[in-house]
Amino acid sequence: MQYMVIERFHPGKVKIMYQRFTDEGRMLPDGVSFINSWINEDVTVCYQVMEAETPGLLQQWISRWNDIVDFEVIPVISSAQAKEKVFAEK
């Protein structure tokens, strides 16, 4: 399953967040993959697409960062999958 993850960095914690990332990487558990990310120009919010075998694995990853980042997780499907879903409904 893929997820749009919206990360809101805690005020004053951006440098700490980037230092942790530099030192330890993404800290992804097995079964979680990073797809891509974008940061707003104020460097306060990150929008990223992640893939996880289970929601619990994604929560493991979040627990490694939630002391300096607030997370919103939205399950997503591709546009092609959405079209298939719409036309499969009766």
PDB file of N, CA and C in Angstrom:
ATOM      1  N   MET A   1       0.844  -1.181   0.000  1.00  0.00           N
ATOM      2  CA  MET A   1       0.000   0.000   0.000  1.00  0.00           C
ATOM      3  C   MET A   1       0.886   1.239   0.000  1.00  0.00           C
ATOM      4  N   GLN A   2       0.441   2.258  -0.722  1.00  0.00           N
ATOM      5  CA  GLN A   2       1.180   3.524  -0.716  1.00  0.00           C
ATOM      6  C   GLN A   2       0.447   4.543   0.154  1.00  0.00           C
ATOM      7  N   TYR A   3       1.226   5.454   0.696  1.00  0.00           N
ATOM      8  CA  TYR A   3       0.712   6.466   1.610  1.00  0.00           C
ATOM      9  C   TYR A   3       1.314   7.822   1.266  1.00  0.00           C
ATOM     10  N   MET A   4       0.474   8.862   1.297  1.00  0.00           N
ATOM     11  CA  MET A   4       0.965  10.234   1.283  1.00  0.00           C
ATOM     12  C   MET A   4       1.186  10.584   2.742  1.00  0.00           C
ATOM     13  N   VAL A   5       2.413  10.899   3.080  1.00  0.00           N
ATOM     14  CA  VAL A   5       2.759  11.247   4.450  1.00  0.00           C
ATOM     15  C   VAL A   5       3.081  12.732   4.479  1.00  0.00           C
ATOM     16  N   ILE A   6       2.352  13.457   5.297  1.00  0.00           N
ATOM     17  CA  ILE A   6       2.606  14.886   5.465  1.00  0.00           C
ATOM     18  C   ILE A   6       3.288  15.059   6.817  1.00  0.00           C
ATOM     19  N   GLU A   7       4.499  15.547   6.769  1.00  0.00           N
ATOM     20  CA  GLU A   7       5.296  15.760   7.974  1.00  0.00           C
ATOM     21  C   GLU A   7       5.342  17.247   8.277  1.00  0.00           C
ATOM     22  N   ARG A   8       4.960  17.607   9.471  1.00  0.00           N
ATOM     23  CA  ARG A   8       5.077  19.001   9.918  1.00  0.00           C
ATOM     24  C   ARG A   8       6.163  19.044  10.989  1.00  0.00           C
ATOM     25  N   PHE A   9       7.256  19.724  10.652  1.00  0.00           N
ATOM     26  CA  PHE A   9       8.404  19.764  11.552  1.00  0.00           C
ATOM     27  C   PHE A   9       8.068  20.614  12.776  1.00  0.00           C
ATOM     28  N   HIS A  10       8.468  20.126  13.944  1.00  0.00           N
ATOM     29  CA  HIS A  10       8.251  20.905  15.165  1.00  0.00           C
ATOM     30  C   HIS A  10       9.067  22.199  15.073  1.00  0.00           C
ATOM     31  N   PRO A  11       8.511  23.310  15.548  1.00  0.00           N
ATOM     32  CA  PRO A  11       9.248  24.580  15.501  1.00  0.00           C
ATOM     33  C   PRO A  11      10.620  24.457  16.165  1.00  0.00           C
ATOM     34  N   GLY A  12      11.621  24.968  15.471  1.00  0.00           N
ATOM     35  CA  GLY A  12      12.979  24.964  15.996  1.00  0.00           C
ATOM     36  C   GLY A  12      13.690  23.621  15.912  1.00  0.00           C
ATOM     37  N   LYS A  13      13.073  22.622  15.265  1.00  0.00           N
ATOM     38  CA  LYS A  13      13.663  21.278  15.228  1.00  0.00           C
ATOM     39  C   LYS A  13      14.165  20.869  13.845  1.00  0.00           C
ATOM     40  N   VAL A  14      14.100  21.762  12.858  1.00  0.00           N
ATOM     41  CA  VAL A  14      14.478  21.379  11.493  1.00  0.00           C
ATOM     42  C   VAL A  14      15.949  20.979  11.413  1.00  0.00           C
ATOM     43  N   LYS A  15      16.839  21.745  12.034  1.00  0.00           N
ATOM     44  CA  LYS A  15      18.259  21.382  11.989  1.00  0.00           C
ATOM     45  C   LYS A  15      18.505  20.042  12.680  1.00  0.00           C
ATOM     46  N   ILE A  16      17.822  19.804  13.789  1.00  0.00           N
ATOM     47  CA  ILE A  16      17.950  18.525  14.490  1.00  0.00           C
ATOM     48  C   ILE A  16      17.462  17.393  13.596  1.00  0.00           C
ATOM     49  N   MET A  17      16.352  17.617  12.907  1.00  0.00           N
ATOM     50  CA  MET A  17      15.792  16.604  12.019  1.00  0.00           C
ATOM     51  C   MET A  17      16.778  16.275  10.899  1.00  0.00           C
ATOM     52  N   TYR A  18      17.323  17.295  10.244  1.00  0.00           N
ATOM     53  CA  TYR A  18      18.278  17.047   9.162  1.00  0.00           C
ATOM     54  C   TYR A  18      19.573  16.427   9.661  1.00  0.00           C
ATOM     55  N   GLN A  19      20.011  16.778  10.872  1.00  0.00           N
ATOM     56  CA  GLN A  19      21.213  16.158  11.422  1.00  0.00           C
ATOM     57  C   GLN A  19      20.977  14.678  11.695  1.00  0.00           C
ATOM     58  N   ARG A  20      19.812  14.344  12.252  1.00  0.00           N
ATOM     59  CA  ARG A  20      19.483  12.935  12.487  1.00  0.00           C
ATOM     60  C   ARG A  20      19.435  12.179  11.167  1.00  0.00           C
ATOM     61  N   PHE A  21      18.824  12.804  10.164  1.00  0.00           N
ATOM     62  CA  PHE A  21      18.754  12.173   8.842  1.00  0.00           C
ATOM     63  C   PHE A  21      20.161  11.942   8.281  1.00  0.00           C
ATOM     64  N   THR A  22      21.034  12.930   8.427  1.00  0.00           N
ATOM     65  CA  THR A  22      22.413  12.800   7.954  1.00  0.00           C
ATOM     66  C   THR A  22      23.144  11.678   8.695  1.00  0.00           C
ATOM     67  N   ASP A  23      22.953  11.614  10.001  1.00  0.00           N
ATOM     68  CA  ASP A  23      23.662  10.631  10.829  1.00  0.00           C
ATOM     69  C   ASP A  23      23.091   9.218  10.709  1.00  0.00           C
ATOM     70  N   GLU A  24      21.758   9.102  10.596  1.00  0.00           N
ATOM     71  CA  GLU A  24      21.123   7.789  10.710  1.00  0.00           C
ATOM     72  C   GLU A  24      20.298   7.368   9.493  1.00  0.00           C
ATOM     73  N   GLY A  25      20.168   8.254   8.500  1.00  0.00           N
ATOM     74  CA  GLY A  25      19.350   7.930   7.344  1.00  0.00           C
ATOM     75  C   GLY A  25      17.867   7.987   7.678  1.00  0.00           C
ATOM     76  N   ARG A  26      17.057   7.383   6.843  1.00  0.00           N
ATOM     77  CA  ARG A  26      15.600   7.422   7.045  1.00  0.00           C
ATOM     78  C   ARG A  26      15.120   6.527   8.183  1.00  0.00           C
ATOM     79  N   MET A  27      15.930   5.580   8.563  1.00  0.00           N
ATOM     80  CA  MET A  27      15.588   4.632   9.635  1.00  0.00           C
ATOM     81  C   MET A  27      14.319   3.843   9.310  1.00  0.00           C
ATOM     82  N   LEU A  28      14.237   3.361   8.080  1.00  0.00           N
ATOM     83  CA  LEU A  28      13.070   2.595   7.646  1.00  0.00           C
ATOM     84  C   LEU A  28      13.172   1.148   8.114  1.00  0.00           C
ATOM     85  N   PRO A  29      12.099   0.611   8.678  1.00  0.00           N
ATOM     86  CA  PRO A  29      12.110  -0.821   8.975  1.00  0.00           C
ATOM     87  C   PRO A  29      11.969  -1.617   7.672  1.00  0.00           C
ATOM     88  N   ASP A  30      12.364  -2.880   7.694  1.00  0.00           N
ATOM     89  CA  ASP A  30      12.135  -3.742   6.540  1.00  0.00           C
ATOM     90  C   ASP A  30      10.648  -3.757   6.228  1.00  0.00           C
ATOM     91  N   GLY A  31      10.318  -3.659   4.946  1.00  0.00           N
ATOM     92  CA  GLY A  31       8.920  -3.641   4.533  1.00  0.00           C
ATOM     93  C   GLY A  31       8.374  -2.248   4.290  1.00  0.00           C
ATOM     94  N   VAL A  32       9.201  -1.211   4.506  1.00  0.00           N
ATOM     95  CA  VAL A  32       8.804   0.175   4.231  1.00  0.00           C
ATOM     96  C   VAL A  32       9.787   0.756   3.226  1.00  0.00           C
ATOM     97  N   SER A  33       9.259   1.398   2.190  1.00  0.00           N
ATOM     98  CA  SER A  33      10.094   1.992   1.146  1.00  0.00           C
ATOM     99  C   SER A  33       9.730   3.459   0.941  1.00  0.00           C
ATOM    100  N   PHE A  34      10.755   4.263   0.752  1.00  0.00           N
ATOM    101  CA  PHE A  34      10.601   5.671   0.402  1.00  0.00           C
ATOM    102  C   PHE A  34      10.445   5.759  -1.112  1.00  0.00           C
ATOM    103  N   ILE A  35       9.432   6.509  -1.589  1.00  0.00           N
ATOM    104  CA  ILE A  35       9.222   6.699  -3.028  1.00  0.00           C
ATOM    105  C   ILE A  35       9.777   8.053  -3.476  1.00  0.00           C
ATOM    106  N   ASN A  36       9.307   9.145  -2.881  1.00  0.00           N
ATOM    107  CA  ASN A  36       9.783  10.484  -3.243  1.00  0.00           C
ATOM    108  C   ASN A  36       9.270  11.489  -2.219  1.00  0.00           C
ATOM    109  N   SER A  37       9.873  12.679  -2.190  1.00  0.00           N
ATOM    110  CA  SER A  37       9.412  13.711  -1.261  1.00  0.00           C
ATOM    111  C   SER A  37       9.627  15.103  -1.823  1.00  0.00           C
ATOM    112  N   TRP A  38       8.866  16.048  -1.260  1.00  0.00           N
ATOM    113  CA  TRP A  38       8.922  17.457  -1.621  1.00  0.00           C
ATOM    114  C   TRP A  38       8.775  18.241  -0.333  1.00  0.00           C
ATOM    115  N   ILE A  39       9.495  19.351  -0.234  1.00  0.00           N
ATOM    116  CA  ILE A  39       9.468  20.206   0.952  1.00  0.00           C
ATOM    117  C   ILE A  39       8.928  21.573   0.558  1.00  0.00           C
ATOM    118  N   ASN A  40       8.098  22.158   1.410  1.00  0.00           N
ATOM    119  CA  ASN A  40       7.634  23.514   1.099  1.00  0.00           C
ATOM    120  C   ASN A  40       8.798  24.494   1.214  1.00  0.00           C
ATOM    121  N   GLU A  41       8.640  25.661   0.627  1.00  0.00           N
ATOM    122  CA  GLU A  41       9.746  26.633   0.569  1.00  0.00           C
ATOM    123  C   GLU A  41      10.162  27.150   1.938  1.00  0.00           C
ATOM    124  N   ASP A  42       9.261  27.110   2.914  1.00  0.00           N
ATOM    125  CA  ASP A  42       9.601  27.558   4.266  1.00  0.00           C
ATOM    126  C   ASP A  42      10.364  26.498   5.061  1.00  0.00           C
ATOM    127  N   VAL A  43      10.511  25.315   4.487  1.00  0.00           N
ATOM    128  CA  VAL A  43      11.162  24.164   5.119  1.00  0.00           C
ATOM    129  C   VAL A  43      10.505  23.867   6.475  1.00  0.00           C
ATOM    130  N   THR A  44       9.173  23.777   6.432  1.00  0.00           N
ATOM    131  CA  THR A  44       8.415  23.440   7.638  1.00  0.00           C
ATOM    132  C   THR A  44       7.531  22.214   7.435  1.00  0.00           C
ATOM    133  N   VAL A  45       7.293  21.845   6.169  1.00  0.00           N
ATOM    134  CA  VAL A  45       6.416  20.721   5.862  1.00  0.00           C
ATOM    135  C   VAL A  45       7.048  19.885   4.753  1.00  0.00           C
ATOM    136  N   CYS A  46       6.997  18.564   4.943  1.00  0.00           N
ATOM    137  CA  CYS A  46       7.469  17.625   3.925  1.00  0.00           C
ATOM    138  C   CYS A  46       6.279  16.787   3.461  1.00  0.00           C
ATOM    139  N   TYR A  47       6.162  16.631   2.152  1.00  0.00           N
ATOM    140  CA  TYR A  47       5.141  15.781   1.552  1.00  0.00           C
ATOM    141  C   TYR A  47       5.879  14.617   0.916  1.00  0.00           C
ATOM    142  N   GLN A  48       5.570  13.401   1.346  1.00  0.00           N
ATOM    143  CA  GLN A  48       6.287  12.286   0.754  1.00  0.00           C
ATOM    144  C   GLN A  48       5.372  11.098   0.528  1.00  0.00           C
ATOM    145  N   VAL A  49       5.744  10.315  -0.456  1.00  0.00           N
ATOM    146  CA  VAL A  49       5.035   9.085  -0.750  1.00  0.00           C
ATOM    147  C   VAL A  49       5.892   7.934  -0.239  1.00  0.00           C
ATOM    148  N   MET A  50       5.261   7.091   0.570  1.00  0.00           N
ATOM    149  CA  MET A  50       5.917   5.925   1.149  1.00  0.00           C
ATOM    150  C   MET A  50       5.109   4.698   0.766  1.00  0.00           C
ATOM    151  N   GLU A  51       5.779   3.553   0.773  1.00  0.00           N
ATOM    152  CA  GLU A  51       5.101   2.290   0.531  1.00  0.00           C
ATOM    153  C   GLU A  51       5.405   1.389   1.719  1.00  0.00           C
ATOM    154  N   ALA A  52       4.368   0.716   2.223  1.00  0.00           N
ATOM    155  CA  ALA A  52       4.561  -0.161   3.374  1.00  0.00           C
ATOM    156  C   ALA A  52       3.726  -1.418   3.208  1.00  0.00           C
ATOM    157  N   GLU A  53       4.316  -2.536   3.621  1.00  0.00           N
ATOM    158  CA  GLU A  53       3.610  -3.803   3.548  1.00  0.00           C
ATOM    159  C   GLU A  53       2.408  -3.820   4.488  1.00  0.00           C
ATOM    160  N   THR A  54       2.545  -3.148   5.638  1.00  0.00           N
ATOM    161  CA  THR A  54       1.436  -3.053   6.596  1.00  0.00           C
ATOM    162  C   THR A  54       1.443  -1.663   7.234  1.00  0.00           C
ATOM    163  N   PRO A  55       0.287  -1.188   7.688  1.00  0.00           N
ATOM    164  CA  PRO A  55       0.270   0.102   8.397  1.00  0.00           C
ATOM    165  C   PRO A  55       1.136   0.081   9.662  1.00  0.00           C
ATOM    166  N   GLY A  56       1.231  -1.066  10.316  1.00  0.00           N
ATOM    167  CA  GLY A  56       2.046  -1.169  11.522  1.00  0.00           C
ATOM    168  C   GLY A  56       3.518  -0.892  11.266  1.00  0.00           C
ATOM    169  N   LEU A  57       4.010  -1.341  10.109  1.00  0.00           N
ATOM    170  CA  LEU A  57       5.408  -1.061   9.763  1.00  0.00           C
ATOM    171  C   LEU A  57       5.628   0.427   9.552  1.00  0.00           C
ATOM    172  N   LEU A  58       4.652   1.091   8.938  1.00  0.00           N
ATOM    173  CA  LEU A  58       4.767   2.542   8.748  1.00  0.00           C
ATOM    174  C   LEU A  58       4.777   3.239  10.111  1.00  0.00           C
ATOM    175  N   GLN A  59       3.976   2.751  11.049  1.00  0.00           N
ATOM    176  CA  GLN A  59       3.947   3.326  12.389  1.00  0.00           C
ATOM    177  C   GLN A  59       5.278   3.127  13.118  1.00  0.00           C
ATOM    178  N   GLN A  60       5.957   2.012  12.858  1.00  0.00           N
ATOM    179  CA  GLN A  60       7.292   1.815  13.438  1.00  0.00           C
ATOM    180  C   GLN A  60       8.243   2.909  12.978  1.00  0.00           C
ATOM    181  N   TRP A  61       8.189   3.219  11.683  1.00  0.00           N
ATOM    182  CA  TRP A  61       9.041   4.276  11.144  1.00  0.00           C
ATOM    183  C   TRP A  61       8.689   5.620  11.781  1.00  0.00           C
ATOM    184  N   ILE A  62       7.395   5.916  11.854  1.00  0.00           N
ATOM    185  CA  ILE A  62       6.942   7.184  12.437  1.00  0.00           C
ATOM    186  C   ILE A  62       7.432   7.327  13.877  1.00  0.00           C
ATOM    187  N   SER A  63       7.417   6.237  14.624  1.00  0.00           N
ATOM    188  CA  SER A  63       7.824   6.306  16.040  1.00  0.00           C
ATOM    189  C   SER A  63       9.287   6.718  16.202  1.00  0.00           C
ATOM    190  N   ARG A  64      10.078   6.563  15.151  1.00  0.00           N
ATOM    191  CA  ARG A  64      11.493   6.946  15.207  1.00  0.00           C
ATOM    192  C   ARG A  64      11.697   8.442  14.981  1.00  0.00           C
ATOM    193  N   TRP A  65      10.636   9.136  14.563  1.00  0.00           N
ATOM    194  CA  TRP A  65      10.742  10.556  14.225  1.00  0.00           C
ATOM    195  C   TRP A  65       9.732  11.440  14.958  1.00  0.00           C
ATOM    196  N   ASN A  66       8.749  10.879  15.601  1.00  0.00           N
ATOM    197  CA  ASN A  66       7.642  11.701  16.088  1.00  0.00           C
ATOM    198  C   ASN A  66       7.986  12.587  17.283  1.00  0.00           C
ATOM    199  N   ASP A  67       9.222  12.532  17.759  1.00  0.00           N
ATOM    200  CA  ASP A  67       9.637  13.477  18.799  1.00  0.00           C
ATOM    201  C   ASP A  67       9.963  14.850  18.211  1.00  0.00           C
ATOM    202  N   ILE A  68      10.164  14.919  16.876  1.00  0.00           N
ATOM    203  CA  ILE A  68      10.502  16.201  16.241  1.00  0.00           C
ATOM    204  C   ILE A  68       9.631  16.510  15.022  1.00  0.00           C
ATOM    205  N   VAL A  69       8.725  15.593  14.682  1.00  0.00           N
ATOM    206  CA  VAL A  69       7.871  15.754  13.502  1.00  0.00           C
ATOM    207  C   VAL A  69       6.467  15.257  13.837  1.00  0.00           C
ATOM    208  N   ASP A  70       5.437  15.991  13.398  1.00  0.00           N
ATOM    209  CA  ASP A  70       4.051  15.512  13.472  1.00  0.00           C
ATOM    210  C   ASP A  70       3.682  14.929  12.117  1.00  0.00           C
ATOM    211  N   PHE A  71       2.965  13.822  12.135  1.00  0.00           N
ATOM    212  CA  PHE A  71       2.656  13.094  10.910  1.00  0.00           C
ATOM    213  C   PHE A  71       1.167  13.039  10.636  1.00  0.00           C
ATOM    214  N   GLU A  72       0.814  13.166   9.366  1.00  0.00           N
ATOM    215  CA  GLU A  72      -0.520  12.864   8.865  1.00  0.00           C
ATOM    216  C   GLU A  72      -0.311  11.817   7.778  1.00  0.00           C
ATOM    217  N   VAL A  73      -1.023  10.707   7.861  1.00  0.00           N
ATOM    218  CA  VAL A  73      -0.843   9.596   6.930  1.00  0.00           C
ATOM    219  C   VAL A  73      -2.151   9.360   6.182  1.00  0.00           C
ATOM    220  N   ILE A  74      -2.059   9.377   4.847  1.00  0.00           N
ATOM    221  CA  ILE A  74      -3.234   9.219   3.996  1.00  0.00           C
ATOM    222  C   ILE A  74      -2.979   8.070   3.022  1.00  0.00           C
ATOM    223  N   PRO A  75      -3.729   6.961   3.129  1.00  0.00           N
ATOM    224  CA  PRO A  75      -3.577   5.904   2.127  1.00  0.00           C
ATOM    225  C   PRO A  75      -3.982   6.448   0.756  1.00  0.00           C
ATOM    226  N   VAL A  76      -3.188   6.140  -0.275  1.00  0.00           N
ATOM    227  CA  VAL A  76      -3.476   6.647  -1.623  1.00  0.00           C
ATOM    228  C   VAL A  76      -3.381   5.511  -2.640  1.00  0.00           C
ATOM    229  N   ILE A  77      -4.070   5.727  -3.764  1.00  0.00           N
ATOM    230  CA  ILE A  77      -3.965   4.841  -4.916  1.00  0.00           C
ATOM    231  C   ILE A  77      -3.632   5.710  -6.120  1.00  0.00           C
ATOM    232  N   SER A  78      -3.151   5.078  -7.174  1.00  0.00           N
ATOM    233  CA  SER A  78      -2.787   5.839  -8.373  1.00  0.00           C
ATOM    234  C   SER A  78      -4.047   6.309  -9.094  1.00  0.00           C
ATOM    235  N   SER A  79      -3.883   7.250 -10.001  1.00  0.00           N
ATOM    236  CA  SER A  79      -5.008   7.721 -10.819  1.00  0.00           C
ATOM    237  C   SER A  79      -5.596   6.578 -11.632  1.00  0.00           C
ATOM    238  N   ALA A  80      -4.732   5.724 -12.170  1.00  0.00           N
ATOM    239  CA  ALA A  80      -5.209   4.576 -12.953  1.00  0.00           C
ATOM    240  C   ALA A  80      -6.034   3.631 -12.078  1.00  0.00           C
ATOM    241  N   GLN A  81      -5.587   3.394 -10.854  1.00  0.00           N
ATOM    242  CA  GLN A  81      -6.337   2.537  -9.942  1.00  0.00           C
ATOM    243  C   GLN A  81      -7.675   3.181  -9.576  1.00  0.00           C
ATOM    244  N   ALA A  82      -7.689   4.487  -9.418  1.00  0.00           N
ATOM    245  CA  ALA A  82      -8.935   5.186  -9.101  1.00  0.00           C
ATOM    246  C   ALA A  82      -9.933   5.041 -10.243  1.00  0.00           C
ATOM    247  N   LYS A  83      -9.465   5.187 -11.457  1.00  0.00           N
ATOM    248  CA  LYS A  83     -10.340   5.044 -12.631  1.00  0.00           C
ATOM    249  C   LYS A  83     -10.924   3.640 -12.689  1.00  0.00           C
ATOM    250  N   GLU A  84     -10.064   2.635 -12.477  1.00  0.00           N
ATOM    251  CA  GLU A  84     -10.545   1.252 -12.460  1.00  0.00           C
ATOM    252  C   GLU A  84     -11.602   1.051 -11.382  1.00  0.00           C
ATOM    253  N   LYS A  85     -11.355   1.610 -10.230  1.00  0.00           N
ATOM    254  CA  LYS A  85     -12.290   1.479  -9.101  1.00  0.00           C
ATOM    255  C   LYS A  85     -13.631   2.108  -9.419  1.00  0.00           C
ATOM    256  N   VAL A  86     -13.603   3.292 -10.033  1.00  0.00           N
ATOM    257  CA  VAL A  86     -14.840   3.999 -10.378  1.00  0.00           C
ATOM    258  C   VAL A  86     -15.657   3.200 -11.396  1.00  0.00           C
ATOM    259  N   PHE A  87     -14.988   2.676 -12.404  1.00  0.00           N
ATOM    260  CA  PHE A  87     -15.725   1.959 -13.437  1.00  0.00           C
ATOM    261  C   PHE A  87     -16.082   0.529 -13.044  1.00  0.00           C
ATOM    262  N   ALA A  88     -15.455   0.013 -11.989  1.00  0.00           N
ATOM    263  CA  ALA A  88     -15.796  -1.329 -11.514  1.00  0.00           C
ATOM    264  C   ALA A  88     -17.050  -1.319 -10.648  1.00  0.00           C
ATOM    265  N   GLU A  89     -17.374  -0.136 -10.089  1.00  0.00           N
ATOM    266  CA  GLU A  89     -18.563  -0.012  -9.252  1.00  0.00           C
ATOM    267  C   GLU A  89     -19.811  -0.110 -10.093  1.00  0.00           C
ATOM    268  N   LYS A  90     -20.818  -0.760  -9.565  1.00  0.00           N
ATOM    269  CA  LYS A  90     -22.069  -0.935 -10.324  1.00  0.00           C
ATOM    270  C   LYS A  90     -23.167  -0.083  -9.779  1.00  0.00           C
TER     271      LYS A  90
END
